[in-house]
Amino acid sequence: MIALIQRVREAKVEVAGRCVGRIGGGLLALTAVQPGDDDGRIRRMCERLLNYRVFADEAGRMNRSLTQTGGGLLLVPQFTLAADTRKGLRPSFTSAAPPAEARAGF
């Protein structure tokens, strides 16, 4: 499983002009499920997302987690994070889980 995180003041996802997810301050996480990602690996990623210390404390140091700040978490599926671009000019997505497997893991 791969996740790319961004701290946000607010974030939303729209599909066909309709809002399907929205948060205030917190983390936006683009996520890619890979073949073989089992419940344990997915659970570990969830724990990491909730506990990464990427928010400033009173001294301005990145010492606080999403759990500590009470912020939101917006997960967005993004299979292209699993792209293999080592050869040629056409990325391979064989390292991304097939759609049905990714949906189950998401």
PDB file of N, CA and C in Angstrom:
ATOM      1  N   MET A   1       0.856  -1.164   0.000  1.00  0.00           N
ATOM      2  CA  MET A   1       0.000   0.000   0.000  1.00  0.00           C
ATOM      3  C   MET A   1       0.899   1.222   0.000  1.00  0.00           C
ATOM      4  N   ILE A   2       0.510   2.192  -0.807  1.00  0.00           N
ATOM      5  CA  ILE A   2       1.247   3.444  -0.914  1.00  0.00           C
ATOM      6  C   ILE A   2       0.296   4.575  -0.564  1.00  0.00           C
ATOM      7  N   ALA A   3       0.805   5.547   0.179  1.00  0.00           N
ATOM      8  CA  ALA A   3      -0.004   6.731   0.480  1.00  0.00           C
ATOM      9  C   ALA A   3       0.857   7.974   0.324  1.00  0.00           C
ATOM     10  N   LEU A   4       0.292   8.973  -0.294  1.00  0.00           N
ATOM     11  CA  LEU A   4       0.915  10.288  -0.424  1.00  0.00           C
ATOM     12  C   LEU A   4       0.040  11.241   0.373  1.00  0.00           C
ATOM     13  N   ILE A   5       0.617  11.873   1.404  1.00  0.00           N
ATOM     14  CA  ILE A   5      -0.203  12.705   2.288  1.00  0.00           C
ATOM     15  C   ILE A   5       0.088  14.186   2.097  1.00  0.00           C
ATOM     16  N   GLN A   6      -0.927  14.984   2.354  1.00  0.00           N
ATOM     17  CA  GLN A   6      -0.820  16.441   2.293  1.00  0.00           C
ATOM     18  C   GLN A   6      -1.624  17.016   3.445  1.00  0.00           C
ATOM     19  N   ARG A   7      -1.001  17.888   4.223  1.00  0.00           N
ATOM     20  CA  ARG A   7      -1.764  18.613   5.239  1.00  0.00           C
ATOM     21  C   ARG A   7      -2.650  19.618   4.520  1.00  0.00           C
ATOM     22  N   VAL A   8      -3.881  19.750   4.981  1.00  0.00           N
ATOM     23  CA  VAL A   8      -4.825  20.660   4.324  1.00  0.00           C
ATOM     24  C   VAL A   8      -5.605  21.462   5.360  1.00  0.00           C
ATOM     25  N   ARG A   9      -6.019  22.656   4.948  1.00  0.00           N
ATOM     26  CA  ARG A   9      -6.944  23.447   5.776  1.00  0.00           C
ATOM     27  C   ARG A   9      -8.367  22.978   5.525  1.00  0.00           C
ATOM     28  N   GLU A  10      -8.602  22.534   4.295  1.00  0.00           N
ATOM     29  CA  GLU A  10      -9.865  21.906   3.912  1.00  0.00           C
ATOM     30  C   GLU A  10      -9.627  21.174   2.608  1.00  0.00           C
ATOM     31  N   ALA A  11     -10.432  20.160   2.359  1.00  0.00           N
ATOM     32  CA  ALA A  11     -10.313  19.391   1.121  1.00  0.00           C
ATOM     33  C   ALA A  11     -11.656  18.757   0.807  1.00  0.00           C
ATOM     34  N   LYS A  12     -11.894  18.566  -0.487  1.00  0.00           N
ATOM     35  CA  LYS A  12     -13.109  17.862  -0.894  1.00  0.00           C
ATOM     36  C   LYS A  12     -12.834  17.116  -2.184  1.00  0.00           C
ATOM     37  N   VAL A  13     -13.644  16.101  -2.415  1.00  0.00           N
ATOM     38  CA  VAL A  13     -13.569  15.307  -3.639  1.00  0.00           C
ATOM     39  C   VAL A  13     -14.925  15.391  -4.309  1.00  0.00           C
ATOM     40  N   GLU A  14     -14.907  15.726  -5.587  1.00  0.00           N
ATOM     41  CA  GLU A  14     -16.142  15.764  -6.371  1.00  0.00           C
ATOM     42  C   GLU A  14     -16.064  14.722  -7.473  1.00  0.00           C
ATOM     43  N   VAL A  15     -17.165  14.049  -7.702  1.00  0.00           N
ATOM     44  CA  VAL A  15     -17.301  13.097  -8.802  1.00  0.00           C
ATOM     45  C   VAL A  15     -18.523  13.516  -9.590  1.00  0.00           C
ATOM     46  N   ALA A  16     -18.317  13.806 -10.860  1.00  0.00           N
ATOM     47  CA  ALA A  16     -19.406  14.244 -11.740  1.00  0.00           C
ATOM     48  C   ALA A  16     -20.158  15.436 -11.136  1.00  0.00           C
ATOM     49  N   GLY A  17     -19.398  16.369 -10.547  1.00  0.00           N
ATOM     50  CA  GLY A  17     -20.005  17.571 -10.002  1.00  0.00           C
ATOM     51  C   GLY A  17     -20.667  17.416  -8.645  1.00  0.00           C
ATOM     52  N   ARG A  18     -20.596  16.227  -8.064  1.00  0.00           N
ATOM     53  CA  ARG A  18     -21.230  15.966  -6.768  1.00  0.00           C
ATOM     54  C   ARG A  18     -20.155  15.703  -5.718  1.00  0.00           C
ATOM     55  N   CYS A  19     -20.244  16.389  -4.592  1.00  0.00           N
ATOM     56  CA  CYS A  19     -19.278  16.216  -3.508  1.00  0.00           C
ATOM     57  C   CYS A  19     -19.485  14.843  -2.859  1.00  0.00           C
ATOM     58  N   VAL A  20     -18.420  14.022  -2.861  1.00  0.00           N
ATOM     59  CA  VAL A  20     -18.512  12.687  -2.262  1.00  0.00           C
ATOM     60  C   VAL A  20     -17.660  12.560  -1.001  1.00  0.00           C
ATOM     61  N   GLY A  21     -16.912  13.602  -0.681  1.00  0.00           N
ATOM     62  CA  GLY A  21     -16.103  13.600   0.534  1.00  0.00           C
ATOM     63  C   GLY A  21     -15.588  14.993   0.820  1.00  0.00           C
ATOM     64  N   ARG A  22     -15.570  15.368   2.096  1.00  0.00           N
ATOM     65  CA  ARG A  22     -15.120  16.708   2.475  1.00  0.00           C
ATOM     66  C   ARG A  22     -14.621  16.673   3.917  1.00  0.00           C
ATOM     67  N   ILE A  23     -13.527  17.406   4.162  1.00  0.00           N
ATOM     68  CA  ILE A  23     -13.026  17.576   5.523  1.00  0.00           C
ATOM     69  C   ILE A  23     -12.628  19.031   5.728  1.00  0.00           C
ATOM     70  N   GLY A  24     -12.538  19.427   6.983  1.00  0.00           N
ATOM     71  CA  GLY A  24     -11.928  20.702   7.337  1.00  0.00           C
ATOM     72  C   GLY A  24     -10.425  20.473   7.395  1.00  0.00           C
ATOM     73  N   GLY A  25      -9.760  21.001   8.392  1.00  0.00           N
ATOM     74  CA  GLY A  25      -8.323  20.795   8.532  1.00  0.00           C
ATOM     75  C   GLY A  25      -7.984  19.346   8.823  1.00  0.00           C
ATOM     76  N   GLY A  26      -6.865  18.887   8.287  1.00  0.00           N
ATOM     77  CA  GLY A  26      -6.442  17.510   8.520  1.00  0.00           C
ATOM     78  C   GLY A  26      -5.503  17.024   7.450  1.00  0.00           C
ATOM     79  N   LEU A  27      -5.677  15.768   7.043  1.00  0.00           N
ATOM     80  CA  LEU A  27      -4.829  15.150   6.032  1.00  0.00           C
ATOM     81  C   LEU A  27      -5.647  14.663   4.850  1.00  0.00           C
ATOM     82  N   LEU A  28      -5.132  14.935   3.662  1.00  0.00           N
ATOM     83  CA  LEU A  28      -5.625  14.341   2.423  1.00  0.00           C
ATOM     84  C   LEU A  28      -4.627  13.246   2.084  1.00  0.00           C
ATOM     85  N   ALA A  29      -5.092  12.030   1.893  1.00  0.00           N
ATOM     86  CA  ALA A  29      -4.206  10.908   1.590  1.00  0.00           C
ATOM     87  C   ALA A  29      -4.623  10.258   0.280  1.00  0.00           C
ATOM     88  N   LEU A  30      -3.767  10.398  -0.740  1.00  0.00           N
ATOM     89  CA  LEU A  30      -3.955   9.666  -1.985  1.00  0.00           C
ATOM     90  C   LEU A  30      -3.381   8.281  -1.735  1.00  0.00           C
ATOM     91  N   THR A  31      -4.150   7.238  -2.007  1.00  0.00           N
ATOM     92  CA  THR A  31      -3.731   5.889  -1.643  1.00  0.00           C
ATOM     93  C   THR A  31      -3.834   4.928  -2.816  1.00  0.00           C
ATOM     94  N   ALA A  32      -2.861   4.025  -2.887  1.00  0.00           N
ATOM     95  CA  ALA A  32      -2.863   2.975  -3.905  1.00  0.00           C
ATOM     96  C   ALA A  32      -2.757   1.631  -3.201  1.00  0.00           C
ATOM     97  N   VAL A  33      -3.684   0.754  -3.480  1.00  0.00           N
ATOM     98  CA  VAL A  33      -3.647  -0.606  -2.952  1.00  0.00           C
ATOM     99  C   VAL A  33      -2.850  -1.444  -3.943  1.00  0.00           C
ATOM    100  N   GLN A  34      -1.957  -2.283  -3.416  1.00  0.00           N
ATOM    101  CA  GLN A  34      -1.121  -3.129  -4.261  1.00  0.00           C
ATOM    102  C   GLN A  34      -1.485  -4.592  -4.046  1.00  0.00           C
ATOM    103  N   PRO A  35      -1.181  -5.443  -5.033  1.00  0.00           N
ATOM    104  CA  PRO A  35      -1.478  -6.867  -4.865  1.00  0.00           C
ATOM    105  C   PRO A  35      -0.822  -7.398  -3.592  1.00  0.00           C
ATOM    106  N   GLY A  36      -1.551  -8.185  -2.857  1.00  0.00           N
ATOM    107  CA  GLY A  36      -1.014  -8.769  -1.637  1.00  0.00           C
ATOM    108  C   GLY A  36      -1.198  -7.917  -0.396  1.00  0.00           C
ATOM    109  N   ASP A  37      -1.754  -6.721  -0.545  1.00  0.00           N
ATOM    110  CA  ASP A  37      -2.022  -5.899   0.637  1.00  0.00           C
ATOM    111  C   ASP A  37      -3.139  -6.568   1.434  1.00  0.00           C
ATOM    112  N   ASP A  38      -2.758  -7.147   2.558  1.00  0.00           N
ATOM    113  CA  ASP A  38      -3.749  -7.836   3.390  1.00  0.00           C
ATOM    114  C   ASP A  38      -4.271  -6.896   4.474  1.00  0.00           C
ATOM    115  N   ASP A  39      -5.167  -7.405   5.299  1.00  0.00           N
ATOM    116  CA  ASP A  39      -5.765  -6.586   6.354  1.00  0.00           C
ATOM    117  C   ASP A  39      -4.709  -5.995   7.285  1.00  0.00           C
ATOM    118  N   GLY A  40      -3.673  -6.766   7.573  1.00  0.00           N
ATOM    119  CA  GLY A  40      -2.616  -6.285   8.461  1.00  0.00           C
ATOM    120  C   GLY A  40      -1.876  -5.093   7.882  1.00  0.00           C
ATOM    121  N   ARG A  41      -1.550  -5.165   6.610  1.00  0.00           N
ATOM    122  CA  ARG A  41      -0.831  -4.066   5.960  1.00  0.00           C
ATOM    123  C   ARG A  41      -1.719  -2.827   5.857  1.00  0.00           C
ATOM    124  N   ILE A  42      -2.983  -3.031   5.553  1.00  0.00           N
ATOM    125  CA  ILE A  42      -3.919  -1.901   5.446  1.00  0.00           C
ATOM    126  C   ILE A  42      -4.130  -1.273   6.824  1.00  0.00           C
ATOM    127  N   ARG A  43      -4.260  -2.101   7.849  1.00  0.00           N
ATOM    128  CA  ARG A  43      -4.424  -1.603   9.212  1.00  0.00           C
ATOM    129  C   ARG A  43      -3.195  -0.796   9.633  1.00  0.00           C
ATOM    130  N   ARG A  44      -2.011  -1.274   9.280  1.00  0.00           N
ATOM    131  CA  ARG A  44      -0.765  -0.564   9.617  1.00  0.00           C
ATOM    132  C   ARG A  44      -0.733   0.807   8.945  1.00  0.00           C
ATOM    133  N   MET A  45      -1.160   0.889   7.690  1.00  0.00           N
ATOM    134  CA  MET A  45      -1.180   2.181   6.999  1.00  0.00           C
ATOM    135  C   MET A  45      -2.166   3.125   7.687  1.00  0.00           C
ATOM    136  N   CYS A  46      -3.308   2.608   8.080  1.00  0.00           N
ATOM    137  CA  CYS A  46      -4.292   3.439   8.791  1.00  0.00           C
ATOM    138  C   CYS A  46      -3.705   3.974  10.090  1.00  0.00           C
ATOM    139  N   GLU A  47      -3.023   3.116  10.837  1.00  0.00           N
ATOM    140  CA  GLU A  47      -2.390   3.553  12.085  1.00  0.00           C
ATOM    141  C   GLU A  47      -1.361   4.641  11.821  1.00  0.00           C
ATOM    142  N   ARG A  48      -0.590   4.471  10.769  1.00  0.00           N
ATOM    143  CA  ARG A  48       0.422   5.474  10.429  1.00  0.00           C
ATOM    144  C   ARG A  48      -0.226   6.801  10.059  1.00  0.00           C
ATOM    145  N   LEU A  49      -1.246   6.755   9.230  1.00  0.00           N
ATOM    146  CA  LEU A  49      -1.906   7.995   8.824  1.00  0.00           C
ATOM    147  C   LEU A  49      -2.453   8.746  10.032  1.00  0.00           C
ATOM    148  N   LEU A  50      -3.005   8.025  10.978  1.00  0.00           N
ATOM    149  CA  LEU A  50      -3.569   8.662  12.168  1.00  0.00           C
ATOM    150  C   LEU A  50      -2.503   9.165  13.136  1.00  0.00           C
ATOM    151  N   ASN A  51      -1.301   8.579  13.066  1.00  0.00           N
ATOM    152  CA  ASN A  51      -0.292   8.885  14.081  1.00  0.00           C
ATOM    153  C   ASN A  51       0.978   9.562  13.579  1.00  0.00           C
ATOM    154  N   TYR A  52       1.101   9.807  12.260  1.00  0.00           N
ATOM    155  CA  TYR A  52       2.254  10.573  11.769  1.00  0.00           C
ATOM    156  C   TYR A  52       2.258  11.927  12.454  1.00  0.00           C
ATOM    157  N   ARG A  53       3.397  12.332  12.946  1.00  0.00           N
ATOM    158  CA  ARG A  53       3.495  13.626  13.628  1.00  0.00           C
ATOM    159  C   ARG A  53       3.879  14.691  12.602  1.00  0.00           C
ATOM    160  N   VAL A  54       2.875  15.234  11.942  1.00  0.00           N
ATOM    161  CA  VAL A  54       3.100  16.206  10.867  1.00  0.00           C
ATOM    162  C   VAL A  54       2.419  17.547  11.127  1.00  0.00           C
ATOM    163  N   PHE A  55       1.886  17.733  12.333  1.00  0.00           N
ATOM    164  CA  PHE A  55       1.230  18.989  12.691  1.00  0.00           C
ATOM    165  C   PHE A  55       2.028  19.679  13.792  1.00  0.00           C
ATOM    166  N   ALA A  56       2.073  21.000  13.723  1.00  0.00           N
ATOM    167  CA  ALA A  56       2.879  21.780  14.662  1.00  0.00           C
ATOM    168  C   ALA A  56       2.303  21.757  16.076  1.00  0.00           C
ATOM    169  N   ASP A  57       3.219  21.715  17.041  1.00  0.00           N
ATOM    170  CA  ASP A  57       2.829  21.873  18.443  1.00  0.00           C
ATOM    171  C   ASP A  57       2.941  23.351  18.816  1.00  0.00           C
ATOM    172  N   GLU A  58       2.844  23.650  20.097  1.00  0.00           N
ATOM    173  CA  GLU A  58       2.887  25.043  20.555  1.00  0.00           C
ATOM    174  C   GLU A  58       4.215  25.718  20.239  1.00  0.00           C
ATOM    175  N   ALA A  59       5.288  24.938  20.126  1.00  0.00           N
ATOM    176  CA  ALA A  59       6.616  25.480  19.834  1.00  0.00           C
ATOM    177  C   ALA A  59       6.888  25.557  18.331  1.00  0.00           C
ATOM    178  N   GLY A  60       5.920  25.152  17.516  1.00  0.00           N
ATOM    179  CA  GLY A  60       6.094  25.194  16.070  1.00  0.00           C
ATOM    180  C   GLY A  60       6.763  23.966  15.479  1.00  0.00           C
ATOM    181  N   ARG A  61       7.053  22.976  16.302  1.00  0.00           N
ATOM    182  CA  ARG A  61       7.669  21.733  15.815  1.00  0.00           C
ATOM    183  C   ARG A  61       6.595  20.755  15.367  1.00  0.00           C
ATOM    184  N   MET A  62       6.921  19.975  14.350  1.00  0.00           N
ATOM    185  CA  MET A  62       5.961  18.970  13.872  1.00  0.00           C
ATOM    186  C   MET A  62       5.983  17.796  14.849  1.00  0.00           C
ATOM    187  N   ASN A  63       5.158  17.905  15.862  1.00  0.00           N
ATOM    188  CA  ASN A  63       5.132  16.935  16.951  1.00  0.00           C
ATOM    189  C   ASN A  63       3.752  16.366  17.216  1.00  0.00           C
ATOM    190  N   ARG A  64       2.738  16.838  16.517  1.00  0.00           N
ATOM    191  CA  ARG A  64       1.370  16.405  16.807  1.00  0.00           C
ATOM    192  C   ARG A  64       0.817  15.587  15.649  1.00  0.00           C
ATOM    193  N   SER A  65       0.019  14.603  16.006  1.00  0.00           N
ATOM    194  CA  SER A  65      -0.582  13.713  15.008  1.00  0.00           C
ATOM    195  C   SER A  65      -2.029  14.119  14.737  1.00  0.00           C
ATOM    196  N   LEU A  66      -2.588  13.500  13.736  1.00  0.00           N
ATOM    197  CA  LEU A  66      -3.994  13.722  13.407  1.00  0.00           C
ATOM    198  C   LEU A  66      -4.881  13.331  14.592  1.00  0.00           C
ATOM    199  N   THR A  67      -4.536  12.255  15.254  1.00  0.00           N
ATOM    200  CA  THR A  67      -5.282  11.818  16.432  1.00  0.00           C
ATOM    201  C   THR A  67      -5.255  12.893  17.514  1.00  0.00           C
ATOM    202  N   GLN A  68      -4.111  13.525  17.700  1.00  0.00           N
ATOM    203  CA  GLN A  68      -3.977  14.548  18.737  1.00  0.00           C
ATOM    204  C   GLN A  68      -4.676  15.852  18.370  1.00  0.00           C
ATOM    205  N   THR A  69      -4.708  16.184  17.090  1.00  0.00           N
ATOM    206  CA  THR A  69      -5.314  17.454  16.677  1.00  0.00           C
ATOM    207  C   THR A  69      -6.812  17.338  16.468  1.00  0.00           C
ATOM    208  N   GLY A  70      -7.306  16.117  16.280  1.00  0.00           N
ATOM    209  CA  GLY A  70      -8.731  15.928  16.023  1.00  0.00           C
ATOM    210  C   GLY A  70      -9.134  16.326  14.617  1.00  0.00           C
ATOM    211  N   GLY A  71      -8.162  16.394  13.709  1.00  0.00           N
ATOM    212  CA  GLY A  71      -8.444  16.769  12.323  1.00  0.00           C
ATOM    213  C   GLY A  71      -9.108  15.654  11.546  1.00  0.00           C
ATOM    214  N   GLY A  72      -9.459  15.966  10.303  1.00  0.00           N
ATOM    215  CA  GLY A  72     -10.107  14.996   9.432  1.00  0.00           C
ATOM    216  C   GLY A  72      -9.109  14.239   8.577  1.00  0.00           C
ATOM    217  N   LEU A  73      -9.541  13.126   8.034  1.00  0.00           N
ATOM    218  CA  LEU A  73      -8.739  12.319   7.119  1.00  0.00           C
ATOM    219  C   LEU A  73      -9.595  12.022   5.906  1.00  0.00           C
ATOM    220  N   LEU A  74      -9.145  12.468   4.742  1.00  0.00           N
ATOM    221  CA  LEU A  74      -9.857  12.212   3.491  1.00  0.00           C
ATOM    222  C   LEU A  74      -9.004  11.267   2.659  1.00  0.00           C
ATOM    223  N   LEU A  75      -9.491  10.051   2.460  1.00  0.00           N
ATOM    224  CA  LEU A  75      -8.791   9.044   1.659  1.00  0.00           C
ATOM    225  C   LEU A  75      -9.310   9.089   0.235  1.00  0.00           C
ATOM    226  N   VAL A  76      -8.389   9.150  -0.721  1.00  0.00           N
ATOM    227  CA  VAL A  76      -8.751   9.204  -2.133  1.00  0.00           C
ATOM    228  C   VAL A  76      -7.990   8.100  -2.860  1.00  0.00           C
ATOM    229  N   PRO A  77      -8.688   7.171  -3.523  1.00  0.00           N
ATOM    230  CA  PRO A  77      -7.979   6.126  -4.259  1.00  0.00           C
ATOM    231  C   PRO A  77      -7.223   6.728  -5.443  1.00  0.00           C
ATOM    232  N   GLN A  78      -5.963   6.306  -5.622  1.00  0.00           N
ATOM    233  CA  GLN A  78      -5.132   6.843  -6.700  1.00  0.00           C
ATOM    234  C   GLN A  78      -4.161   5.757  -7.150  1.00  0.00           C
ATOM    235  N   PHE A  79      -4.614   4.872  -8.045  1.00  0.00           N
ATOM    236  CA  PHE A  79      -3.800   3.732  -8.453  1.00  0.00           C
ATOM    237  C   PHE A  79      -2.514   4.146  -9.147  1.00  0.00           C
ATOM    238  N   THR A  80      -2.448   5.350  -9.707  1.00  0.00           N
ATOM    239  CA  THR A  80      -1.248   5.766 -10.441  1.00  0.00           C
ATOM    240  C   THR A  80      -0.027   5.909  -9.531  1.00  0.00           C
ATOM    241  N   LEU A  81      -0.221   5.974  -8.223  1.00  0.00           N
ATOM    242  CA  LEU A  81       0.925   6.019  -7.310  1.00  0.00           C
ATOM    243  C   LEU A  81       1.758   4.745  -7.398  1.00  0.00           C
ATOM    244  N   ALA A  82       1.161   3.665  -7.842  1.00  0.00           N
ATOM    245  CA  ALA A  82       1.863   2.388  -7.943  1.00  0.00           C
ATOM    246  C   ALA A  82       2.519   2.196  -9.309  1.00  0.00           C
ATOM    247  N   ALA A  83       2.571   3.234 -10.115  1.00  0.00           N
ATOM    248  CA  ALA A  83       3.129   3.122 -11.471  1.00  0.00           C
ATOM    249  C   ALA A  83       4.607   2.744 -11.436  1.00  0.00           C
ATOM    250  N   ASP A  84       4.995   1.887 -12.363  1.00  0.00           N
ATOM    251  CA  ASP A  84       6.402   1.541 -12.568  1.00  0.00           C
ATOM    252  C   ASP A  84       6.859   2.312 -13.802  1.00  0.00           C
ATOM    253  N   THR A  85       7.766   3.259 -13.612  1.00  0.00           N
ATOM    254  CA  THR A  85       8.222   4.113 -14.719  1.00  0.00           C
ATOM    255  C   THR A  85       9.706   3.909 -15.017  1.00  0.00           C
ATOM    256  N   ARG A  86      10.245   2.762 -14.627  1.00  0.00           N
ATOM    257  CA  ARG A  86      11.679   2.527 -14.815  1.00  0.00           C
ATOM    258  C   ARG A  86      12.073   2.327 -16.268  1.00  0.00           C
ATOM    259  N   LYS A  87      11.164   1.837 -17.099  1.00  0.00           N
ATOM    260  CA  LYS A  87      11.506   1.550 -18.493  1.00  0.00           C
ATOM    261  C   LYS A  87      10.588   2.299 -19.435  1.00  0.00           C
ATOM    262  N   GLY A  88      11.149   2.767 -20.526  1.00  0.00           N
ATOM    263  CA  GLY A  88      10.345   3.355 -21.589  1.00  0.00           C
ATOM    264  C   GLY A  88       9.570   4.585 -21.170  1.00  0.00           C
ATOM    265  N   LEU A  89       8.575   4.902 -21.996  1.00  0.00           N
ATOM    266  CA  LEU A  89       7.776   6.100 -21.788  1.00  0.00           C
ATOM    267  C   LEU A  89       6.327   5.794 -21.440  1.00  0.00           C
ATOM    268  N   ARG A  90       6.020   4.517 -21.286  1.00  0.00           N
ATOM    269  CA  ARG A  90       4.661   4.128 -20.916  1.00  0.00           C
ATOM    270  C   ARG A  90       4.700   3.481 -19.536  1.00  0.00           C
ATOM    271  N   PRO A  91       4.076   4.113 -18.552  1.00  0.00           N
ATOM    272  CA  PRO A  91       4.105   3.520 -17.210  1.00  0.00           C
ATOM    273  C   PRO A  91       3.334   2.207 -17.167  1.00  0.00           C
ATOM    274  N   SER A  92       3.812   1.314 -16.322  1.00  0.00           N
ATOM    275  CA  SER A  92       3.126   0.046 -16.096  1.00  0.00           C
ATOM    276  C   SER A  92       2.394   0.137 -14.759  1.00  0.00           C
ATOM    277  N   PHE A  93       1.175  -0.370 -14.740  1.00  0.00           N
ATOM    278  CA  PHE A  93       0.393  -0.337 -13.508  1.00  0.00           C
ATOM    279  C   PHE A  93       0.175  -1.738 -12.950  1.00  0.00           C
ATOM    280  N   THR A  94       1.040  -2.682 -13.333  1.00  0.00           N
ATOM    281  CA  THR A  94       0.900  -4.046 -12.833  1.00  0.00           C
ATOM    282  C   THR A  94       1.182  -4.135 -11.336  1.00  0.00           C
ATOM    283  N   SER A  95       1.838  -3.118 -10.783  1.00  0.00           N
ATOM    284  CA  SER A  95       2.100  -3.131  -9.341  1.00  0.00           C
ATOM    285  C   SER A  95       0.936  -2.532  -8.542  1.00  0.00           C
ATOM    286  N   ALA A  96      -0.138  -2.158  -9.223  1.00  0.00           N
ATOM    287  CA  ALA A  96      -1.368  -1.710  -8.552  1.00  0.00           C
ATOM    288  C   ALA A  96      -2.343  -2.887  -8.513  1.00  0.00           C
ATOM    289  N   ALA A  97      -3.100  -2.973  -7.456  1.00  0.00           N
ATOM    290  CA  ALA A  97      -4.088  -4.050  -7.338  1.00  0.00           C
ATOM    291  C   ALA A  97      -5.173  -3.878  -8.394  1.00  0.00           C
ATOM    292  N   PRO A  98      -5.717  -4.983  -8.922  1.00  0.00           N
ATOM    293  CA  PRO A  98      -6.850  -4.882  -9.844  1.00  0.00           C
ATOM    294  C   PRO A  98      -8.020  -4.168  -9.154  1.00  0.00           C
ATOM    295  N   PRO A  99      -8.904  -3.537  -9.918  1.00  0.00           N
ATOM    296  CA  PRO A  99      -9.987  -2.736  -9.330  1.00  0.00           C
ATOM    297  C   PRO A  99     -10.793  -3.440  -8.233  1.00  0.00           C
ATOM    298  N   ALA A 100     -11.187  -4.681  -8.444  1.00  0.00           N
ATOM    299  CA  ALA A 100     -12.008  -5.375  -7.438  1.00  0.00           C
ATOM    300  C   ALA A 100     -11.239  -5.566  -6.132  1.00  0.00           C
ATOM    301  N   GLU A 101      -9.967  -5.936  -6.243  1.00  0.00           N
ATOM    302  CA  GLU A 101      -9.135  -6.125  -5.048  1.00  0.00           C
ATOM    303  C   GLU A 101      -8.896  -4.786  -4.339  1.00  0.00           C
ATOM    304  N   ALA A 102      -8.669  -3.732  -5.125  1.00  0.00           N
ATOM    305  CA  ALA A 102      -8.433  -2.406  -4.543  1.00  0.00           C
ATOM    306  C   ALA A 102      -9.678  -1.906  -3.807  1.00  0.00           C
ATOM    307  N   ARG A 103     -10.851  -2.116  -4.405  1.00  0.00           N
ATOM    308  CA  ARG A 103     -12.100  -1.691  -3.744  1.00  0.00           C
ATOM    309  C   ARG A 103     -12.270  -2.399  -2.403  1.00  0.00           C
ATOM    310  N   ALA A 104     -11.972  -3.684  -2.391  1.00  0.00           N
ATOM    311  CA  ALA A 104     -12.110  -4.457  -1.152  1.00  0.00           C
ATOM    312  C   ALA A 104     -11.145  -3.948  -0.083  1.00  0.00           C
ATOM    313  N   GLY A 105      -9.943  -3.553  -0.493  1.00  0.00           N
ATOM    314  CA  GLY A 105      -8.955  -3.050   0.454  1.00  0.00           C
ATOM    315  C   GLY A 105      -9.205  -1.632   0.880  1.00  0.00           C
ATOM    316  N   PHE A 106      -9.925  -0.921   0.064  1.00  0.00           N
ATOM    317  CA  PHE A 106     -10.178   0.484   0.356  1.00  0.00           C
ATOM    318  C   PHE A 106     -11.317   0.604   1.333  1.00  0.00           C
TER     319      PHE A 106
END
